[in-house]
Amino acid sequence: MSRSIPIVDFADFTSGNKQRQEKFVQSVGDSLKDIGFFALKNHGIPLALIKESYDKGDAFFGLSEAQKMNYARREISHQRGYTAFGVEHAKDNPAPDLKEFWQTGRTHKPNENPSYPANIWPDDVIPEFRKIIDDLYNKMESLSCDLLSACSLYLGKPADWLVEMTNDGNTIMRIIHYPPLGDSVPKGAVRSAAHEDINFITLLVTATADGLEVMDHDGTWIKVEGDERYIIVDSGDMIQNLTNGLFKSTTHRVVNPSANSVRRFSMPMFVHPRNSIDLTPRPEFIAITSGSPDYQSISAGEYLHQRLVEIGLAED
């Protein structure tokens, strides 16, 4: 029998019932401790908004390469705006990922000067892009805070422990376009090579086609079907570092389709702590894992820059 990732019901969290809420916390924590992934059902993100967001992404990626490059921002390590096809690659894999993407973050408030870059928008060419994408971002970030609250409680901390660390953090949402591959795929290149996420947790809005695979404990691959009823959630390197490996940052990939004419879109949100957060493994998690610190002492900002260099989005 083929294995699948766990399914967690967000309706348990929103029920107002203490036992169901405790069940939710346990399910979230157990899933991230075991395989590092789960599928969230009854997530509350309007499916119509998801579809509108994909439509706006499709409209942008349909522009000419010259038009899209007007929104590329190498000087901020591609943390906002457009990143062209073949720029990003997985850590330790020089072959380019076969994708292009748009990144957006939390919109700055008037007279605000936070530590993360300001958004840029293609308002002049794609009407309503800002309104729709910003709406989805805000709803996804609110959901991420509820999930981080559950993680905090599972770890024996106050509900706002991890949430507070993300205040003024560089959380980003990415609209990814995997174009049809055609007949000339570079050697070793796949849509997204095997990798782990950098951040605290990732929320992946259902993809428009299959392709996501998660590595199981024995090195085999679990196929994750694209299904609009679920948001796929995984824990990343930063929370693994902080918890000394209690929460797993699990290797995953997006494989090439059997038919080279197939396109694919997906929208992950990468939830980041602010740059000043110390990710040194906490003593209480060291005590319940290996008994020694297995991960580095480093700030979130340093960790992010280090990884952006490794995947080709920043310069050392």
C-alpha atoms as a PDB file:
ATOM      1  CA  MET A   1       0.000   0.000   0.000  1.00  0.00           C
ATOM      2  CA  SER A   2       1.438   3.384  -0.988  1.00  0.00           C
ATOM      3  CA  ARG A   3       2.052   5.865   1.811  1.00  0.00           C
ATOM      4  CA  SER A   4       0.599   9.369   1.869  1.00  0.00           C
ATOM      5  CA  ILE A   5       1.267  12.421   3.998  1.00  0.00           C
ATOM      6  CA  PRO A   6      -1.030  12.947   7.036  1.00  0.00           C
ATOM      7  CA  ILE A   7      -4.255  14.947   6.695  1.00  0.00           C
ATOM      8  CA  VAL A   8      -5.021  17.516   9.409  1.00  0.00           C
ATOM      9  CA  ASP A   9      -8.438  19.177   9.777  1.00  0.00           C
ATOM     10  CA  PHE A  10      -8.336  22.948  10.366  1.00  0.00           C
ATOM     11  CA  ALA A  11     -12.013  22.778  11.387  1.00  0.00           C
ATOM     12  CA  ASP A  12     -10.784  21.214  14.640  1.00  0.00           C
ATOM     13  CA  PHE A  13      -8.839  24.400  15.398  1.00  0.00           C
ATOM     14  CA  THR A  14     -11.733  26.748  14.582  1.00  0.00           C
ATOM     15  CA  SER A  15     -14.395  24.619  16.319  1.00  0.00           C
ATOM     16  CA  GLY A  16     -14.126  26.312  19.713  1.00  0.00           C
ATOM     17  CA  ASN A  17     -14.054  22.832  21.245  1.00  0.00           C
ATOM     18  CA  LYS A  18     -11.061  22.357  23.540  1.00  0.00           C
ATOM     19  CA  GLN A  19     -10.656  18.636  22.834  1.00  0.00           C
ATOM     20  CA  ARG A  20     -10.761  19.162  19.067  1.00  0.00           C
ATOM     21  CA  GLN A  21      -8.275  22.027  19.329  1.00  0.00           C
ATOM     22  CA  GLU A  22      -5.919  19.846  21.365  1.00  0.00           C
ATOM     23  CA  LYS A  23      -6.313  17.125  18.720  1.00  0.00           C
ATOM     24  CA  PHE A  24      -5.351  19.680  16.055  1.00  0.00           C
ATOM     25  CA  VAL A  25      -2.217  20.749  17.943  1.00  0.00           C
ATOM     26  CA  GLN A  26      -1.198  17.118  18.433  1.00  0.00           C
ATOM     27  CA  SER A  27      -1.793  16.256  14.762  1.00  0.00           C
ATOM     28  CA  VAL A  28       0.197  19.246  13.496  1.00  0.00           C
ATOM     29  CA  GLY A  29       3.130  18.587  15.816  1.00  0.00           C
ATOM     30  CA  ASP A  30       3.206  14.826  15.293  1.00  0.00           C
ATOM     31  CA  SER A  31       3.185  15.291  11.508  1.00  0.00           C
ATOM     32  CA  LEU A  32       6.081  17.767  11.516  1.00  0.00           C
ATOM     33  CA  LYS A  33       8.007  15.598  13.974  1.00  0.00           C
ATOM     34  CA  ASP A  34       7.548  12.483  11.827  1.00  0.00           C
ATOM     35  CA  ILE A  35       7.573  13.273   8.091  1.00  0.00           C
ATOM     36  CA  GLY A  36       7.717  17.100   8.169  1.00  0.00           C
ATOM     37  CA  PHE A  37       4.614  17.440   5.963  1.00  0.00           C
ATOM     38  CA  PHE A  38       0.832  17.348   6.224  1.00  0.00           C
ATOM     39  CA  ALA A  39      -2.196  18.243   4.106  1.00  0.00           C
ATOM     40  CA  LEU A  40      -4.538  20.802   5.703  1.00  0.00           C
ATOM     41  CA  LYS A  41      -8.217  20.421   4.868  1.00  0.00           C
ATOM     42  CA  ASN A  42     -11.034  22.912   5.563  1.00  0.00           C
ATOM     43  CA  HIS A  43      -8.341  25.598   5.420  1.00  0.00           C
ATOM     44  CA  GLY A  44     -10.790  28.451   4.812  1.00  0.00           C
ATOM     45  CA  ILE A  45      -8.957  30.097   1.900  1.00  0.00           C
ATOM     46  CA  PRO A  46     -11.656  30.855  -0.731  1.00  0.00           C
ATOM     47  CA  LEU A  47     -11.152  28.665  -3.778  1.00  0.00           C
ATOM     48  CA  ALA A  48     -12.383  31.518  -5.981  1.00  0.00           C
ATOM     49  CA  LEU A  49      -9.541  33.713  -4.672  1.00  0.00           C
ATOM     50  CA  ILE A  50      -7.012  30.964  -5.403  1.00  0.00           C
ATOM     51  CA  LYS A  51      -8.326  30.675  -8.956  1.00  0.00           C
ATOM     52  CA  GLU A  52      -8.227  34.460  -9.449  1.00  0.00           C
ATOM     53  CA  SER A  53      -4.631  34.509  -8.196  1.00  0.00           C
ATOM     54  CA  TYR A  54      -3.614  31.800 -10.648  1.00  0.00           C
ATOM     55  CA  ASP A  55      -5.375  33.703 -13.445  1.00  0.00           C
ATOM     56  CA  LYS A  56      -3.391  36.863 -12.627  1.00  0.00           C
ATOM     57  CA  GLY A  57      -0.180  34.863 -12.482  1.00  0.00           C
ATOM     58  CA  ASP A  58      -0.991  33.299 -15.840  1.00  0.00           C
ATOM     59  CA  ALA A  59      -1.574  36.757 -17.314  1.00  0.00           C
ATOM     60  CA  PHE A  60       1.788  37.997 -16.041  1.00  0.00           C
ATOM     61  CA  PHE A  61       3.785  34.989 -17.215  1.00  0.00           C
ATOM     62  CA  GLY A  62       2.154  35.370 -20.617  1.00  0.00           C
ATOM     63  CA  LEU A  63       3.908  38.720 -21.119  1.00  0.00           C
ATOM     64  CA  SER A  64       6.997  38.995 -23.295  1.00  0.00           C
ATOM     65  CA  GLU A  65      10.353  38.270 -21.659  1.00  0.00           C
ATOM     66  CA  ALA A  66      11.330  41.933 -22.034  1.00  0.00           C
ATOM     67  CA  GLN A  67       8.180  43.067 -20.222  1.00  0.00           C
ATOM     68  CA  LYS A  68       8.652  40.578 -17.390  1.00  0.00           C
ATOM     69  CA  MET A  69      12.298  41.565 -16.902  1.00  0.00           C
ATOM     70  CA  ASN A  70      11.135  45.089 -16.037  1.00  0.00           C
ATOM     71  CA  TYR A  71      10.093  43.599 -12.705  1.00  0.00           C
ATOM     72  CA  ALA A  72      13.269  41.613 -11.950  1.00  0.00           C
ATOM     73  CA  ARG A  73      15.187  42.802  -8.880  1.00  0.00           C
ATOM     74  CA  ARG A  74      18.593  41.136  -8.642  1.00  0.00           C
ATOM     75  CA  GLU A  75      19.786  43.856  -6.246  1.00  0.00           C
ATOM     76  CA  ILE A  76      17.446  42.516  -3.515  1.00  0.00           C
ATOM     77  CA  SER A  77      18.277  38.863  -4.259  1.00  0.00           C
ATOM     78  CA  HIS A  78      15.016  38.416  -6.193  1.00  0.00           C
ATOM     79  CA  GLN A  79      13.045  38.648  -2.942  1.00  0.00           C
ATOM     80  CA  ARG A  80      10.344  40.680  -4.692  1.00  0.00           C
ATOM     81  CA  GLY A  81       9.053  40.778  -8.248  1.00  0.00           C
ATOM     82  CA  TYR A  82      10.047  38.508 -11.130  1.00  0.00           C
ATOM     83  CA  THR A  83      12.700  35.787 -11.321  1.00  0.00           C
ATOM     84  CA  ALA A  84      13.340  34.451 -14.814  1.00  0.00           C
ATOM     85  CA  PHE A  85      13.306  30.853 -16.000  1.00  0.00           C
ATOM     86  CA  GLY A  86      16.422  28.900 -15.022  1.00  0.00           C
ATOM     87  CA  VAL A  87      17.838  31.378 -12.470  1.00  0.00           C
ATOM     88  CA  GLU A  88      17.225  29.395  -9.283  1.00  0.00           C
ATOM     89  CA  HIS A  89      18.701  25.971  -8.608  1.00  0.00           C
ATOM     90  CA  ALA A  90      18.628  23.599  -5.650  1.00  0.00           C
ATOM     91  CA  LYS A  91      21.465  23.630  -3.131  1.00  0.00           C
ATOM     92  CA  ASP A  92      24.324  21.398  -4.367  1.00  0.00           C
ATOM     93  CA  ASN A  93      22.676  20.958  -7.780  1.00  0.00           C
ATOM     94  CA  PRO A  94      24.071  23.323 -10.453  1.00  0.00           C
ATOM     95  CA  ALA A  95      21.391  22.396 -13.016  1.00  0.00           C
ATOM     96  CA  PRO A  96      18.736  25.144 -13.185  1.00  0.00           C
ATOM     97  CA  ASP A  97      15.188  24.554 -11.982  1.00  0.00           C
ATOM     98  CA  LEU A  98      12.755  24.657 -14.904  1.00  0.00           C
ATOM     99  CA  LYS A  99      10.540  27.430 -13.570  1.00  0.00           C
ATOM    100  CA  GLU A 100       9.977  31.173 -13.400  1.00  0.00           C
ATOM    101  CA  PHE A 101       8.246  32.920 -10.518  1.00  0.00           C
ATOM    102  CA  TRP A 102       6.896  36.096  -8.916  1.00  0.00           C
ATOM    103  CA  GLN A 103       7.479  36.930  -5.240  1.00  0.00           C
ATOM    104  CA  THR A 104       5.454  39.216  -3.016  1.00  0.00           C
ATOM    105  CA  GLY A 105       5.591  40.002   0.688  1.00  0.00           C
ATOM    106  CA  ARG A 106       3.680  41.913   3.316  1.00  0.00           C
ATOM    107  CA  THR A 107       2.636  45.319   2.014  1.00  0.00           C
ATOM    108  CA  HIS A 108       4.334  48.202   3.802  1.00  0.00           C
ATOM    109  CA  LYS A 109       2.085  50.538   5.741  1.00  0.00           C
ATOM    110  CA  PRO A 110       2.442  54.307   5.179  1.00  0.00           C
ATOM    111  CA  ASN A 111       5.620  55.715   6.790  1.00  0.00           C
ATOM    112  CA  GLU A 112       6.732  52.197   7.726  1.00  0.00           C
ATOM    113  CA  ASN A 113      10.349  51.157   7.170  1.00  0.00           C
ATOM    114  CA  PRO A 114      10.636  47.477   8.117  1.00  0.00           C
ATOM    115  CA  SER A 115      13.570  45.175   7.518  1.00  0.00           C
ATOM    116  CA  TYR A 116      12.039  43.479   4.474  1.00  0.00           C
ATOM    117  CA  PRO A 117      11.831  44.897   0.914  1.00  0.00           C
ATOM    118  CA  ALA A 118       8.825  46.797  -0.374  1.00  0.00           C
ATOM    119  CA  ASN A 119       6.541  45.043  -2.839  1.00  0.00           C
ATOM    120  CA  ILE A 120       6.565  45.919  -6.502  1.00  0.00           C
ATOM    121  CA  TRP A 121       3.507  45.433  -8.675  1.00  0.00           C
ATOM    122  CA  PRO A 122       2.769  45.119 -12.412  1.00  0.00           C
ATOM    123  CA  ASP A 123      -0.190  47.500 -12.106  1.00  0.00           C
ATOM    124  CA  ASP A 124       0.511  49.078 -15.475  1.00  0.00           C
ATOM    125  CA  VAL A 125       0.152  45.791 -17.375  1.00  0.00           C
ATOM    126  CA  ILE A 126      -2.007  43.481 -15.199  1.00  0.00           C
ATOM    127  CA  PRO A 127      -5.004  45.309 -13.654  1.00  0.00           C
ATOM    128  CA  GLU A 128      -6.183  43.995 -10.269  1.00  0.00           C
ATOM    129  CA  PHE A 129      -2.959  41.961  -9.775  1.00  0.00           C
ATOM    130  CA  ARG A 130      -2.054  43.868  -6.597  1.00  0.00           C
ATOM    131  CA  LYS A 131      -5.562  43.674  -5.091  1.00  0.00           C
ATOM    132  CA  ILE A 132      -5.996  39.935  -5.626  1.00  0.00           C
ATOM    133  CA  ILE A 133      -2.471  38.795  -4.735  1.00  0.00           C
ATOM    134  CA  ASP A 134      -2.347  41.026  -1.658  1.00  0.00           C
ATOM    135  CA  ASP A 135      -5.685  39.601  -0.500  1.00  0.00           C
ATOM    136  CA  LEU A 136      -4.443  36.027  -0.860  1.00  0.00           C
ATOM    137  CA  TYR A 137      -1.173  36.890   0.900  1.00  0.00           C
ATOM    138  CA  ASN A 138      -2.989  38.373   3.905  1.00  0.00           C
ATOM    139  CA  LYS A 139      -5.322  35.395   4.251  1.00  0.00           C
ATOM    140  CA  MET A 140      -2.445  32.940   3.914  1.00  0.00           C
ATOM    141  CA  GLU A 141      -0.351  34.782   6.493  1.00  0.00           C
ATOM    142  CA  SER A 142      -3.255  34.759   8.955  1.00  0.00           C
ATOM    143  CA  LEU A 143      -3.555  31.003   8.456  1.00  0.00           C
ATOM    144  CA  SER A 144       0.198  30.607   8.963  1.00  0.00           C
ATOM    145  CA  CYS A 145      -0.057  32.340  12.348  1.00  0.00           C
ATOM    146  CA  ASP A 146      -2.689  29.832  13.479  1.00  0.00           C
ATOM    147  CA  LEU A 147      -0.436  26.961  12.395  1.00  0.00           C
ATOM    148  CA  LEU A 148       2.568  28.455  14.179  1.00  0.00           C
ATOM    149  CA  SER A 149       0.423  28.821  17.311  1.00  0.00           C
ATOM    150  CA  ALA A 150      -0.312  25.108  17.137  1.00  0.00           C
ATOM    151  CA  CYS A 151       3.399  24.386  16.680  1.00  0.00           C
ATOM    152  CA  SER A 152       4.246  26.559  19.689  1.00  0.00           C
ATOM    153  CA  LEU A 153       1.734  24.787  21.935  1.00  0.00           C
ATOM    154  CA  TYR A 154       2.997  21.379  20.787  1.00  0.00           C
ATOM    155  CA  LEU A 155       6.529  22.488  21.747  1.00  0.00           C
ATOM    156  CA  GLY A 156       5.325  23.423  25.234  1.00  0.00           C
ATOM    157  CA  LYS A 157       5.518  27.165  24.608  1.00  0.00           C
ATOM    158  CA  PRO A 158       2.968  30.004  24.736  1.00  0.00           C
ATOM    159  CA  ALA A 159       0.733  30.138  21.660  1.00  0.00           C
ATOM    160  CA  ASP A 160       2.417  33.292  20.358  1.00  0.00           C
ATOM    161  CA  TRP A 161       6.021  32.058  20.763  1.00  0.00           C
ATOM    162  CA  LEU A 162       6.785  31.333  17.102  1.00  0.00           C
ATOM    163  CA  VAL A 163       4.230  33.841  15.815  1.00  0.00           C
ATOM    164  CA  GLU A 164       6.032  36.696  17.555  1.00  0.00           C
ATOM    165  CA  MET A 165       9.305  35.665  15.903  1.00  0.00           C
ATOM    166  CA  THR A 166       7.697  36.213  12.478  1.00  0.00           C
ATOM    167  CA  ASN A 167       6.599  39.777  13.273  1.00  0.00           C
ATOM    168  CA  ASP A 168       8.472  41.956  10.760  1.00  0.00           C
ATOM    169  CA  GLY A 169       9.910  38.798   9.190  1.00  0.00           C
ATOM    170  CA  ASN A 170      10.499  38.460   5.464  1.00  0.00           C
ATOM    171  CA  THR A 171       7.608  36.080   4.771  1.00  0.00           C
ATOM    172  CA  ILE A 172       7.078  35.759   1.033  1.00  0.00           C
ATOM    173  CA  MET A 173       4.489  34.234  -1.272  1.00  0.00           C
ATOM    174  CA  ARG A 174       5.669  32.876  -4.590  1.00  0.00           C
ATOM    175  CA  ILE A 175       3.614  32.333  -7.743  1.00  0.00           C
ATOM    176  CA  ILE A 176       5.493  29.686  -9.718  1.00  0.00           C
ATOM    177  CA  HIS A 177       5.055  28.904 -13.407  1.00  0.00           C
ATOM    178  CA  TYR A 178       6.507  25.671 -14.754  1.00  0.00           C
ATOM    179  CA  PRO A 179       6.256  26.135 -18.547  1.00  0.00           C
ATOM    180  CA  PRO A 180       5.920  23.260 -21.005  1.00  0.00           C
ATOM    181  CA  LEU A 181       9.335  21.632 -21.228  1.00  0.00           C
ATOM    182  CA  GLY A 182       9.623  21.234 -24.982  1.00  0.00           C
ATOM    183  CA  ASP A 183      12.295  18.960 -26.399  1.00  0.00           C
ATOM    184  CA  SER A 184      15.518  20.538 -25.114  1.00  0.00           C
ATOM    185  CA  VAL A 185      15.766  20.046 -21.345  1.00  0.00           C
ATOM    186  CA  PRO A 186      19.284  20.662 -19.932  1.00  0.00           C
ATOM    187  CA  LYS A 187      20.945  17.562 -18.515  1.00  0.00           C
ATOM    188  CA  GLY A 188      19.980  16.998 -14.890  1.00  0.00           C
ATOM    189  CA  ALA A 189      17.368  19.772 -14.907  1.00  0.00           C
ATOM    190  CA  VAL A 190      13.946  19.191 -13.360  1.00  0.00           C
ATOM    191  CA  ARG A 191      11.098  21.497 -12.467  1.00  0.00           C
ATOM    192  CA  SER A 192      12.341  21.747  -8.888  1.00  0.00           C
ATOM    193  CA  ALA A 193      15.265  19.571  -7.828  1.00  0.00           C
ATOM    194  CA  ALA A 194      15.316  17.768  -4.487  1.00  0.00           C
ATOM    195  CA  HIS A 195      15.657  20.359  -1.717  1.00  0.00           C
ATOM    196  CA  GLU A 196      14.533  21.444   1.730  1.00  0.00           C
ATOM    197  CA  ASP A 197      12.798  24.746   2.462  1.00  0.00           C
ATOM    198  CA  ILE A 198      14.790  27.472   4.219  1.00  0.00           C
ATOM    199  CA  ASN A 199      12.157  29.002   6.485  1.00  0.00           C
ATOM    200  CA  PHE A 200       9.996  28.154   9.543  1.00  0.00           C
ATOM    201  CA  ILE A 201       7.010  26.607   7.747  1.00  0.00           C
ATOM    202  CA  THR A 202       5.711  26.603   4.173  1.00  0.00           C
ATOM    203  CA  LEU A 203       2.068  26.701   3.098  1.00  0.00           C
ATOM    204  CA  LEU A 204       1.557  25.460  -0.461  1.00  0.00           C
ATOM    205  CA  VAL A 205      -1.701  26.368  -2.156  1.00  0.00           C
ATOM    206  CA  THR A 206      -2.842  23.463  -4.298  1.00  0.00           C
ATOM    207  CA  ALA A 207      -0.904  23.145  -7.540  1.00  0.00           C
ATOM    208  CA  THR A 208      -2.660  23.013 -10.903  1.00  0.00           C
ATOM    209  CA  ALA A 209      -1.003  19.681 -11.767  1.00  0.00           C
ATOM    210  CA  ASP A 210       0.711  16.808  -9.962  1.00  0.00           C
ATOM    211  CA  GLY A 211       4.485  16.587  -9.619  1.00  0.00           C
ATOM    212  CA  LEU A 212       5.269  17.237  -5.931  1.00  0.00           C
ATOM    213  CA  GLU A 213       7.022  14.340  -4.216  1.00  0.00           C
ATOM    214  CA  VAL A 214       8.163  14.045  -0.576  1.00  0.00           C
ATOM    215  CA  MET A 215      11.022  11.810   0.543  1.00  0.00           C
ATOM    216  CA  ASP A 216       9.993   9.150   3.054  1.00  0.00           C
ATOM    217  CA  HIS A 217      12.236   7.870   5.865  1.00  0.00           C
ATOM    218  CA  ASP A 218      13.561   5.038   3.700  1.00  0.00           C
ATOM    219  CA  GLY A 219      14.502   7.310   0.777  1.00  0.00           C
ATOM    220  CA  THR A 220      11.493   6.434  -1.362  1.00  0.00           C
ATOM    221  CA  TRP A 221       9.226   9.164  -2.746  1.00  0.00           C
ATOM    222  CA  ILE A 222       5.649   9.884  -1.652  1.00  0.00           C
ATOM    223  CA  LYS A 223       3.565  11.419  -4.447  1.00  0.00           C
ATOM    224  CA  VAL A 224       1.399  14.367  -3.346  1.00  0.00           C
ATOM    225  CA  GLU A 225      -1.571  14.944  -5.610  1.00  0.00           C
ATOM    226  CA  GLY A 226      -2.680  18.449  -6.534  1.00  0.00           C
ATOM    227  CA  ASP A 227      -6.073  18.951  -4.863  1.00  0.00           C
ATOM    228  CA  GLU A 228      -7.743  22.300  -4.230  1.00  0.00           C
ATOM    229  CA  ARG A 229      -9.295  21.004  -1.000  1.00  0.00           C
ATOM    230  CA  TYR A 230      -5.906  20.951   0.708  1.00  0.00           C
ATOM    231  CA  ILE A 231      -3.040  23.276   1.534  1.00  0.00           C
ATOM    232  CA  ILE A 232       0.225  21.349   1.889  1.00  0.00           C
ATOM    233  CA  VAL A 233       2.253  22.393   4.943  1.00  0.00           C
ATOM    234  CA  ASP A 234       5.870  21.539   5.708  1.00  0.00           C
ATOM    235  CA  SER A 235       8.512  22.541   8.232  1.00  0.00           C
ATOM    236  CA  GLY A 236      11.740  24.131   6.986  1.00  0.00           C
ATOM    237  CA  ASP A 237      15.403  24.334   7.918  1.00  0.00           C
ATOM    238  CA  MET A 238      15.046  27.257  10.329  1.00  0.00           C
ATOM    239  CA  ILE A 239      12.529  25.578  12.614  1.00  0.00           C
ATOM    240  CA  GLN A 240      14.515  22.333  12.366  1.00  0.00           C
ATOM    241  CA  ASN A 241      17.608  24.271  13.508  1.00  0.00           C
ATOM    242  CA  LEU A 242      15.725  25.945  16.375  1.00  0.00           C
ATOM    243  CA  THR A 243      14.241  22.642  17.633  1.00  0.00           C
ATOM    244  CA  ASN A 244      17.487  20.655  17.147  1.00  0.00           C
ATOM    245  CA  GLY A 245      15.786  18.423  14.603  1.00  0.00           C
ATOM    246  CA  LEU A 246      12.598  17.715  16.553  1.00  0.00           C
ATOM    247  CA  PHE A 247      10.642  19.178  13.628  1.00  0.00           C
ATOM    248  CA  LYS A 248      11.926  17.747  10.358  1.00  0.00           C
ATOM    249  CA  SER A 249      12.909  19.684   7.245  1.00  0.00           C
ATOM    250  CA  THR A 250      12.148  17.011   4.693  1.00  0.00           C
ATOM    251  CA  THR A 251      13.566  16.718   1.194  1.00  0.00           C
ATOM    252  CA  HIS A 252      11.005  17.207  -1.574  1.00  0.00           C
ATOM    253  CA  ARG A 253      10.984  17.875  -5.311  1.00  0.00           C
ATOM    254  CA  VAL A 254       8.779  18.640  -8.312  1.00  0.00           C
ATOM    255  CA  VAL A 255       9.396  16.084 -11.041  1.00  0.00           C
ATOM    256  CA  ASN A 256       9.071  16.625 -14.779  1.00  0.00           C
ATOM    257  CA  PRO A 257       5.745  15.554 -16.315  1.00  0.00           C
ATOM    258  CA  SER A 258       5.461  12.570 -18.629  1.00  0.00           C
ATOM    259  CA  ALA A 259       4.157  14.893 -21.367  1.00  0.00           C
ATOM    260  CA  ASN A 260       6.416  17.847 -22.207  1.00  0.00           C
ATOM    261  CA  SER A 261       3.410  19.972 -23.179  1.00  0.00           C
ATOM    262  CA  VAL A 262       2.026  20.140 -19.601  1.00  0.00           C
ATOM    263  CA  ARG A 263       2.177  23.466 -17.713  1.00  0.00           C
ATOM    264  CA  ARG A 264       2.034  23.727 -13.943  1.00  0.00           C
ATOM    265  CA  PHE A 265       1.402  26.538 -11.465  1.00  0.00           C
ATOM    266  CA  SER A 266       1.812  26.518  -7.686  1.00  0.00           C
ATOM    267  CA  MET A 267       1.766  29.125  -4.903  1.00  0.00           C
ATOM    268  CA  PRO A 268       3.844  28.483  -1.771  1.00  0.00           C
ATOM    269  CA  MET A 269       4.106  30.904   1.156  1.00  0.00           C
ATOM    270  CA  PHE A 270       7.482  30.749   2.915  1.00  0.00           C
ATOM    271  CA  VAL A 271       7.035  31.928   6.513  1.00  0.00           C
ATOM    272  CA  HIS A 272      10.199  33.563   7.873  1.00  0.00           C
ATOM    273  CA  PRO A 273      11.241  34.878  11.281  1.00  0.00           C
ATOM    274  CA  ARG A 274      12.697  38.361  11.348  1.00  0.00           C
ATOM    275  CA  ASN A 275      16.408  38.611  10.619  1.00  0.00           C
ATOM    276  CA  SER A 276      17.486  39.187  14.226  1.00  0.00           C
ATOM    277  CA  ILE A 277      16.019  35.922  15.579  1.00  0.00           C
ATOM    278  CA  ASP A 278      18.655  33.570  17.013  1.00  0.00           C
ATOM    279  CA  LEU A 279      18.158  30.083  15.571  1.00  0.00           C
ATOM    280  CA  THR A 280      20.599  28.383  17.955  1.00  0.00           C
ATOM    281  CA  PRO A 281      19.059  25.067  19.097  1.00  0.00           C
ATOM    282  CA  ARG A 282      17.254  25.645  22.389  1.00  0.00           C
ATOM    283  CA  PRO A 283      18.450  23.605  25.400  1.00  0.00           C
ATOM    284  CA  GLU A 284      14.994  22.162  26.070  1.00  0.00           C
ATOM    285  CA  PHE A 285      14.872  20.662  22.569  1.00  0.00           C
ATOM    286  CA  ILE A 286      18.451  19.433  22.753  1.00  0.00           C
ATOM    287  CA  ALA A 287      17.447  17.550  25.916  1.00  0.00           C
ATOM    288  CA  ILE A 288      14.595  15.688  24.186  1.00  0.00           C
ATOM    289  CA  THR A 289      16.439  14.964  20.927  1.00  0.00           C
ATOM    290  CA  SER A 290      20.077  13.837  20.734  1.00  0.00           C
ATOM    291  CA  GLY A 291      21.370  15.448  23.925  1.00  0.00           C
ATOM    292  CA  SER A 292      23.829  17.624  22.009  1.00  0.00           C
ATOM    293  CA  PRO A 293      23.410  20.608  19.645  1.00  0.00           C
ATOM    294  CA  ASP A 294      23.246  19.126  16.147  1.00  0.00           C
ATOM    295  CA  TYR A 295      22.667  22.403  14.299  1.00  0.00           C
ATOM    296  CA  GLN A 296      24.519  25.691  13.995  1.00  0.00           C
ATOM    297  CA  SER A 297      24.291  28.873  16.027  1.00  0.00           C
ATOM    298  CA  ILE A 298      23.204  31.506  13.517  1.00  0.00           C
ATOM    299  CA  SER A 299      20.719  34.345  13.106  1.00  0.00           C
ATOM    300  CA  ALA A 300      17.768  34.042  10.728  1.00  0.00           C
ATOM    301  CA  GLY A 301      19.115  36.858   8.544  1.00  0.00           C
ATOM    302  CA  GLU A 302      22.514  35.210   8.205  1.00  0.00           C
ATOM    303  CA  TYR A 303      20.914  31.842   7.521  1.00  0.00           C
ATOM    304  CA  LEU A 304      18.668  33.263   4.794  1.00  0.00           C
ATOM    305  CA  HIS A 305      21.519  35.034   3.026  1.00  0.00           C
ATOM    306  CA  GLN A 306      23.682  31.919   3.204  1.00  0.00           C
ATOM    307  CA  ARG A 307      20.989  29.821   1.550  1.00  0.00           C
ATOM    308  CA  LEU A 308      20.078  32.433  -1.079  1.00  0.00           C
ATOM    309  CA  VAL A 309      23.728  32.390  -2.187  1.00  0.00           C
ATOM    310  CA  GLU A 310      23.661  28.593  -2.358  1.00  0.00           C
ATOM    311  CA  ILE A 311      20.591  28.515  -4.624  1.00  0.00           C
ATOM    312  CA  GLY A 312      21.757  31.270  -6.976  1.00  0.00           C
ATOM    313  CA  LEU A 313      19.506  34.152  -5.903  1.00  0.00           C
ATOM    314  CA  ALA A 314      22.148  36.216  -4.057  1.00  0.00           C
ATOM    315  CA  GLU A 315      25.861  36.923  -4.302  1.00  0.00           C
ATOM    316  CA  ASP A 316      28.273  36.205  -1.468  1.00  0.00           C
END
